[in-house]
Amino acid sequence: SAIGYGHTFEMFAKWDEFGKHPEFFS
């Protein structure tokens, strides 16, 4: 059993919430 599969930064980072913090991104 797994949570997620493969490319998951976006899944855990919750883009809407993290988007309030531009310094969290590249």
PDB file of all heavy atoms in Angstrom:
ATOM      1  N   SER A   1       0.857  -1.185   0.000  1.00  0.00           N
ATOM      2  CA  SER A   1       0.000   0.000   0.000  1.00  0.00           C
ATOM      3  C   SER A   1       0.893   1.235   0.000  1.00  0.00           C
ATOM      4  O   SER A   1       1.939   1.261   0.630  1.00  0.00           O
ATOM      5  CB  SER A   1      -0.918  -0.001   1.220  1.00  0.00           C
ATOM      6  OG  SER A   1      -0.149  -0.015   2.411  1.00  0.00           O
ATOM      7  N   ALA A   2       0.460   2.240  -0.731  1.00  0.00           N
ATOM      8  CA  ALA A   2       1.272   3.447  -0.856  1.00  0.00           C
ATOM      9  C   ALA A   2       0.399   4.683  -0.876  1.00  0.00           C
ATOM     10  O   ALA A   2      -0.751   4.628  -1.279  1.00  0.00           O
ATOM     11  CB  ALA A   2       2.096   3.389  -2.136  1.00  0.00           C
ATOM     12  N   ILE A   3       0.988   5.774  -0.449  1.00  0.00           N
ATOM     13  CA  ILE A   3       0.368   7.072  -0.635  1.00  0.00           C
ATOM     14  C   ILE A   3       1.126   7.729  -1.775  1.00  0.00           C
ATOM     15  O   ILE A   3       2.347   7.886  -1.717  1.00  0.00           O
ATOM     16  CB  ILE A   3       0.429   7.931   0.633  1.00  0.00           C
ATOM     17  CG1 ILE A   3      -0.419   7.294   1.734  1.00  0.00           C
ATOM     18  CG2 ILE A   3      -0.048   9.350   0.342  1.00  0.00           C
ATOM     19  CD1 ILE A   3      -0.407   8.032   3.046  1.00  0.00           C
ATOM     20  N   GLY A   4       0.395   8.084  -2.794  1.00  0.00           N
ATOM     21  CA  GLY A   4       0.997   8.710  -3.964  1.00  0.00           C
ATOM     22  C   GLY A   4       1.658   7.684  -4.866  1.00  0.00           C
ATOM     23  O   GLY A   4       1.680   6.486  -4.578  1.00  0.00           O
ATOM     24  N   TYR A   5       2.175   8.173  -5.972  1.00  0.00           N
ATOM     25  CA  TYR A   5       2.933   7.334  -6.885  1.00  0.00           C
ATOM     26  C   TYR A   5       3.784   8.226  -7.755  1.00  0.00           C
ATOM     27  O   TYR A   5       3.266   9.079  -8.467  1.00  0.00           O
ATOM     28  CB  TYR A   5       2.006   6.470  -7.758  1.00  0.00           C
ATOM     29  CG  TYR A   5       2.786   5.591  -8.696  1.00  0.00           C
ATOM     30  CD1 TYR A   5       3.468   4.482  -8.224  1.00  0.00           C
ATOM     31  CD2 TYR A   5       2.859   5.891 -10.044  1.00  0.00           C
ATOM     32  CE1 TYR A   5       4.195   3.677  -9.077  1.00  0.00           C
ATOM     33  CE2 TYR A   5       3.584   5.085 -10.912  1.00  0.00           C
ATOM     34  CZ  TYR A   5       4.254   3.980 -10.412  1.00  0.00           C
ATOM     35  OH  TYR A   5       4.981   3.190 -11.264  1.00  0.00           O
ATOM     36  N   GLY A   6       5.080   8.065  -7.659  1.00  0.00           N
ATOM     37  CA  GLY A   6       5.975   8.818  -8.519  1.00  0.00           C
ATOM     38  C   GLY A   6       6.120  10.264  -8.093  1.00  0.00           C
ATOM     39  O   GLY A   6       6.559  10.558  -6.994  1.00  0.00           O
ATOM     40  N   HIS A   7       5.722  11.175  -8.924  1.00  0.00           N
ATOM     41  CA  HIS A   7       5.969  12.609  -8.769  1.00  0.00           C
ATOM     42  C   HIS A   7       4.929  13.238  -7.834  1.00  0.00           C
ATOM     43  O   HIS A   7       3.806  13.506  -8.243  1.00  0.00           O
ATOM     44  CB  HIS A   7       5.935  13.270 -10.142  1.00  0.00           C
ATOM     45  CG  HIS A   7       6.779  12.554 -11.142  1.00  0.00           C
ATOM     46  ND1 HIS A   7       8.152  12.641 -11.140  1.00  0.00           N
ATOM     47  CD2 HIS A   7       6.455  11.719 -12.163  1.00  0.00           C
ATOM     48  CE1 HIS A   7       8.643  11.898 -12.125  1.00  0.00           C
ATOM     49  NE2 HIS A   7       7.632  11.320 -12.756  1.00  0.00           N
ATOM     50  N   THR A   8       5.326  13.501  -6.591  1.00  0.00           N
ATOM     51  CA  THR A   8       4.329  13.883  -5.584  1.00  0.00           C
ATOM     52  C   THR A   8       4.563  15.221  -4.898  1.00  0.00           C
ATOM     53  O   THR A   8       3.815  15.560  -3.988  1.00  0.00           O
ATOM     54  CB  THR A   8       4.236  12.797  -4.498  1.00  0.00           C
ATOM     55  OG1 THR A   8       5.524  12.656  -3.887  1.00  0.00           O
ATOM     56  CG2 THR A   8       3.746  11.484  -5.059  1.00  0.00           C
ATOM     57  N   PHE A   9       5.585  15.978  -5.290  1.00  0.00           N
ATOM     58  CA  PHE A   9       5.771  17.278  -4.628  1.00  0.00           C
ATOM     59  C   PHE A   9       4.483  18.090  -4.655  1.00  0.00           C
ATOM     60  O   PHE A   9       4.070  18.653  -3.642  1.00  0.00           O
ATOM     61  CB  PHE A   9       6.874  18.082  -5.316  1.00  0.00           C
ATOM     62  CG  PHE A   9       8.274  17.750  -4.878  1.00  0.00           C
ATOM     63  CD1 PHE A   9       8.544  16.767  -3.946  1.00  0.00           C
ATOM     64  CD2 PHE A   9       9.333  18.454  -5.414  1.00  0.00           C
ATOM     65  CE1 PHE A   9       9.839  16.472  -3.555  1.00  0.00           C
ATOM     66  CE2 PHE A   9      10.635  18.182  -5.032  1.00  0.00           C
ATOM     67  CZ  PHE A   9      10.888  17.198  -4.104  1.00  0.00           C
ATOM     68  N   GLU A  10       3.856  18.138  -5.811  1.00  0.00           N
ATOM     69  CA  GLU A  10       2.642  18.946  -5.958  1.00  0.00           C
ATOM     70  C   GLU A  10       1.510  18.418  -5.069  1.00  0.00           C
ATOM     71  O   GLU A  10       0.746  19.185  -4.496  1.00  0.00           O
ATOM     72  CB  GLU A  10       2.205  18.963  -7.419  1.00  0.00           C
ATOM     73  CG  GLU A  10       1.102  19.924  -7.701  1.00  0.00           C
ATOM     74  CD  GLU A  10       0.834  20.068  -9.197  1.00  0.00           C
ATOM     75  OE1 GLU A  10       1.511  19.426 -10.021  1.00  0.00           O
ATOM     76  OE2 GLU A  10      -0.080  20.820  -9.526  1.00  0.00           O
ATOM     77  N   MET A  11       1.420  17.103  -4.922  1.00  0.00           N
ATOM     78  CA  MET A  11       0.368  16.504  -4.111  1.00  0.00           C
ATOM     79  C   MET A  11       0.502  16.917  -2.638  1.00  0.00           C
ATOM     80  O   MET A  11      -0.468  17.302  -1.992  1.00  0.00           O
ATOM     81  CB  MET A  11       0.431  14.977  -4.225  1.00  0.00           C
ATOM     82  CG  MET A  11      -0.610  14.257  -3.401  1.00  0.00           C
ATOM     83  SD  MET A  11      -0.458  12.470  -3.594  1.00  0.00           S
ATOM     84  CE  MET A  11       0.156  12.046  -1.988  1.00  0.00           C
ATOM     85  N   PHE A  12       1.716  16.839  -2.102  1.00  0.00           N
ATOM     86  CA  PHE A  12       1.913  17.160  -0.688  1.00  0.00           C
ATOM     87  C   PHE A  12       2.040  18.655  -0.429  1.00  0.00           C
ATOM     88  O   PHE A  12       1.704  19.131   0.644  1.00  0.00           O
ATOM     89  CB  PHE A  12       3.146  16.438  -0.142  1.00  0.00           C
ATOM     90  CG  PHE A  12       2.945  14.971   0.030  1.00  0.00           C
ATOM     91  CD1 PHE A  12       3.637  14.070  -0.756  1.00  0.00           C
ATOM     92  CD2 PHE A  12       2.053  14.483   0.965  1.00  0.00           C
ATOM     93  CE1 PHE A  12       3.457  12.702  -0.604  1.00  0.00           C
ATOM     94  CE2 PHE A  12       1.851  13.123   1.131  1.00  0.00           C
ATOM     95  CZ  PHE A  12       2.557  12.228   0.339  1.00  0.00           C
ATOM     96  N   ALA A  13       2.543  19.395  -1.401  1.00  0.00           N
ATOM     97  CA  ALA A  13       2.763  20.824  -1.189  1.00  0.00           C
ATOM     98  C   ALA A  13       1.471  21.631  -1.251  1.00  0.00           C
ATOM     99  O   ALA A  13       1.467  22.789  -0.858  1.00  0.00           O
ATOM    100  CB  ALA A  13       3.768  21.365  -2.201  1.00  0.00           C
ATOM    101  N   LYS A  14       0.382  21.040  -1.721  1.00  0.00           N
ATOM    102  CA  LYS A  14      -0.894  21.754  -1.799  1.00  0.00           C
ATOM    103  C   LYS A  14      -0.672  23.126  -2.430  1.00  0.00           C
ATOM    104  O   LYS A  14      -0.621  24.137  -1.750  1.00  0.00           O
ATOM    105  CB  LYS A  14      -1.518  21.903  -0.419  1.00  0.00           C
ATOM    106  CG  LYS A  14      -1.806  20.611   0.285  1.00  0.00           C
ATOM    107  CD  LYS A  14      -2.387  20.907   1.658  1.00  0.00           C
ATOM    108  CE  LYS A  14      -2.458  19.656   2.477  1.00  0.00           C
ATOM    109  NZ  LYS A  14      -2.823  19.921   3.854  1.00  0.00           N
ATOM    110  N   TRP A  15      -0.499  23.132  -3.728  1.00  0.00           N
ATOM    111  CA  TRP A  15      -0.119  24.344  -4.459  1.00  0.00           C
ATOM    112  C   TRP A  15      -0.894  25.577  -4.020  1.00  0.00           C
ATOM    113  O   TRP A  15      -0.327  26.660  -3.920  1.00  0.00           O
ATOM    114  CB  TRP A  15      -0.301  24.129  -5.947  1.00  0.00           C
ATOM    115  CG  TRP A  15       0.885  23.666  -6.752  1.00  0.00           C
ATOM    116  CD1 TRP A  15       0.933  23.670  -8.109  1.00  0.00           C
ATOM    117  CD2 TRP A  15       2.147  23.166  -6.336  1.00  0.00           C
ATOM    118  NE1 TRP A  15       2.140  23.181  -8.553  1.00  0.00           N
ATOM    119  CE2 TRP A  15       2.912  22.864  -7.475  1.00  0.00           C
ATOM    120  CE3 TRP A  15       2.732  22.927  -5.093  1.00  0.00           C
ATOM    121  CZ2 TRP A  15       4.207  22.364  -7.436  1.00  0.00           C
ATOM    122  CZ3 TRP A  15       4.023  22.409  -5.042  1.00  0.00           C
ATOM    123  CH2 TRP A  15       4.728  22.139  -6.194  1.00  0.00           C
ATOM    124  N   ASP A  16      -2.185  25.455  -3.753  1.00  0.00           N
ATOM    125  CA  ASP A  16      -2.958  26.635  -3.348  1.00  0.00           C
ATOM    126  C   ASP A  16      -2.415  27.226  -2.042  1.00  0.00           C
ATOM    127  O   ASP A  16      -2.247  28.440  -1.926  1.00  0.00           O
ATOM    128  CB  ASP A  16      -4.433  26.291  -3.173  1.00  0.00           C
ATOM    129  CG  ASP A  16      -5.124  25.995  -4.491  1.00  0.00           C
ATOM    130  OD1 ASP A  16      -4.561  26.353  -5.548  1.00  0.00           O
ATOM    131  OD2 ASP A  16      -6.214  25.410  -4.467  1.00  0.00           O
ATOM    132  N   GLU A  17      -2.162  26.381  -1.076  1.00  0.00           N
ATOM    133  CA  GLU A  17      -1.666  26.848   0.224  1.00  0.00           C
ATOM    134  C   GLU A  17      -0.210  27.299   0.138  1.00  0.00           C
ATOM    135  O   GLU A  17       0.154  28.366   0.619  1.00  0.00           O
ATOM    136  CB  GLU A  17      -1.823  25.728   1.259  1.00  0.00           C
ATOM    137  CG  GLU A  17      -1.572  26.152   2.676  1.00  0.00           C
ATOM    138  CD  GLU A  17      -2.561  27.190   3.188  1.00  0.00           C
ATOM    139  OE1 GLU A  17      -3.727  27.188   2.761  1.00  0.00           O
ATOM    140  OE2 GLU A  17      -2.151  28.020   4.011  1.00  0.00           O
ATOM    141  N   PHE A  18       0.634  26.480  -0.478  1.00  0.00           N
ATOM    142  CA  PHE A  18       2.051  26.834  -0.597  1.00  0.00           C
ATOM    143  C   PHE A  18       2.237  28.052  -1.498  1.00  0.00           C
ATOM    144  O   PHE A  18       3.211  28.771  -1.369  1.00  0.00           O
ATOM    145  CB  PHE A  18       2.853  25.649  -1.143  1.00  0.00           C
ATOM    146  CG  PHE A  18       3.315  24.668  -0.103  1.00  0.00           C
ATOM    147  CD1 PHE A  18       2.452  24.214   0.891  1.00  0.00           C
ATOM    148  CD2 PHE A  18       4.598  24.176  -0.127  1.00  0.00           C
ATOM    149  CE1 PHE A  18       2.868  23.312   1.838  1.00  0.00           C
ATOM    150  CE2 PHE A  18       5.030  23.264   0.822  1.00  0.00           C
ATOM    151  CZ  PHE A  18       4.167  22.827   1.813  1.00  0.00           C
ATOM    152  N   GLY A  19       1.299  28.267  -2.413  1.00  0.00           N
ATOM    153  CA  GLY A  19       1.384  29.394  -3.334  1.00  0.00           C
ATOM    154  C   GLY A  19       1.419  30.748  -2.648  1.00  0.00           C
ATOM    155  O   GLY A  19       1.838  31.745  -3.235  1.00  0.00           O
ATOM    156  N   LYS A  20       0.998  30.795  -1.392  1.00  0.00           N
ATOM    157  CA  LYS A  20       1.057  32.034  -0.611  1.00  0.00           C
ATOM    158  C   LYS A  20       2.497  32.360  -0.203  1.00  0.00           C
ATOM    159  O   LYS A  20       2.756  33.425   0.343  1.00  0.00           O
ATOM    160  CB  LYS A  20       0.179  31.908   0.633  1.00  0.00           C
ATOM    161  CG  LYS A  20      -1.296  31.707   0.318  1.00  0.00           C
ATOM    162  CD  LYS A  20      -2.082  31.402   1.575  1.00  0.00           C
ATOM    163  CE  LYS A  20      -3.520  31.041   1.224  1.00  0.00           C
ATOM    164  NZ  LYS A  20      -4.253  30.560   2.399  1.00  0.00           N
ATOM    165  N   HIS A  21       3.402  31.413  -0.458  1.00  0.00           N
ATOM    166  CA  HIS A  21       4.803  31.556  -0.067  1.00  0.00           C
ATOM    167  C   HIS A  21       5.703  31.324  -1.284  1.00  0.00           C
ATOM    168  O   HIS A  21       6.212  30.218  -1.481  1.00  0.00           O
ATOM    169  CB  HIS A  21       5.153  30.538   1.030  1.00  0.00           C
ATOM    170  CG  HIS A  21       4.321  30.668   2.253  1.00  0.00           C
ATOM    171  ND1 HIS A  21       4.593  31.577   3.240  1.00  0.00           N
ATOM    172  CD2 HIS A  21       3.201  30.008   2.640  1.00  0.00           C
ATOM    173  CE1 HIS A  21       3.679  31.474   4.195  1.00  0.00           C
ATOM    174  NE2 HIS A  21       2.821  30.532   3.851  1.00  0.00           N
ATOM    175  N   PRO A  22       5.929  32.344  -2.091  1.00  0.00           N
ATOM    176  CA  PRO A  22       6.756  32.160  -3.293  1.00  0.00           C
ATOM    177  C   PRO A  22       8.147  31.605  -2.979  1.00  0.00           C
ATOM    178  O   PRO A  22       8.727  30.896  -3.792  1.00  0.00           O
ATOM    179  CB  PRO A  22       6.854  33.560  -3.888  1.00  0.00           C
ATOM    180  CG  PRO A  22       5.902  34.420  -3.166  1.00  0.00           C
ATOM    181  CD  PRO A  22       5.440  33.700  -1.949  1.00  0.00           C
ATOM    182  N   GLU A  23       8.652  31.895  -1.780  1.00  0.00           N
ATOM    183  CA  GLU A  23       9.979  31.404  -1.392  1.00  0.00           C
ATOM    184  C   GLU A  23      10.030  29.886  -1.229  1.00  0.00           C
ATOM    185  O   GLU A  23      11.100  29.301  -1.111  1.00  0.00           O
ATOM    186  CB  GLU A  23      10.441  32.102  -0.101  1.00  0.00           C
ATOM    187  CG  GLU A  23       9.673  31.720   1.145  1.00  0.00           C
ATOM    188  CD  GLU A  23       8.344  32.458   1.360  1.00  0.00           C
ATOM    189  OE1 GLU A  23       7.864  33.172   0.454  1.00  0.00           O
ATOM    190  OE2 GLU A  23       7.772  32.304   2.470  1.00  0.00           O
ATOM    191  N   PHE A  24       8.880  29.225  -1.225  1.00  0.00           N
ATOM    192  CA  PHE A  24       8.833  27.764  -1.133  1.00  0.00           C
ATOM    193  C   PHE A  24       9.137  27.099  -2.479  1.00  0.00           C
ATOM    194  O   PHE A  24       9.301  25.886  -2.543  1.00  0.00           O
ATOM    195  CB  PHE A  24       7.458  27.294  -0.672  1.00  0.00           C
ATOM    196  CG  PHE A  24       7.167  27.518   0.798  1.00  0.00           C
ATOM    197  CD1 PHE A  24       8.008  28.231   1.637  1.00  0.00           C
ATOM    198  CD2 PHE A  24       6.003  27.006   1.346  1.00  0.00           C
ATOM    199  CE1 PHE A  24       7.715  28.430   2.971  1.00  0.00           C
ATOM    200  CE2 PHE A  24       5.696  27.187   2.694  1.00  0.00           C
ATOM    201  CZ  PHE A  24       6.551  27.895   3.503  1.00  0.00           C
ATOM    202  N   PHE A  25       9.197  27.882  -3.552  1.00  0.00           N
ATOM    203  CA  PHE A  25       9.329  27.324  -4.897  1.00  0.00           C
ATOM    204  C   PHE A  25      10.660  27.686  -5.538  1.00  0.00           C
ATOM    205  O   PHE A  25      11.389  28.555  -5.062  1.00  0.00           O
ATOM    206  CB  PHE A  25       8.170  27.803  -5.765  1.00  0.00           C
ATOM    207  CG  PHE A  25       6.832  27.348  -5.262  1.00  0.00           C
ATOM    208  CD1 PHE A  25       6.023  28.200  -4.539  1.00  0.00           C
ATOM    209  CD2 PHE A  25       6.406  26.046  -5.483  1.00  0.00           C
ATOM    210  CE1 PHE A  25       4.797  27.768  -4.048  1.00  0.00           C
ATOM    211  CE2 PHE A  25       5.181  25.613  -4.993  1.00  0.00           C
ATOM    212  CZ  PHE A  25       4.373  26.474  -4.270  1.00  0.00           C
ATOM    213  N   SER A  26      10.937  27.041  -6.637  1.00  0.00           N
ATOM    214  CA  SER A  26      12.195  27.209  -7.357  1.00  0.00           C
ATOM    215  C   SER A  26      12.457  28.651  -7.748  1.00  0.00           C
ATOM    216  O   SER A  26      11.558  29.357  -8.205  1.00  0.00           O
ATOM    217  CB  SER A  26      12.179  26.382  -8.647  1.00  0.00           C
ATOM    218  OG  SER A  26      12.156  25.016  -8.371  1.00  0.00           O
TER     219      SER A  26
END
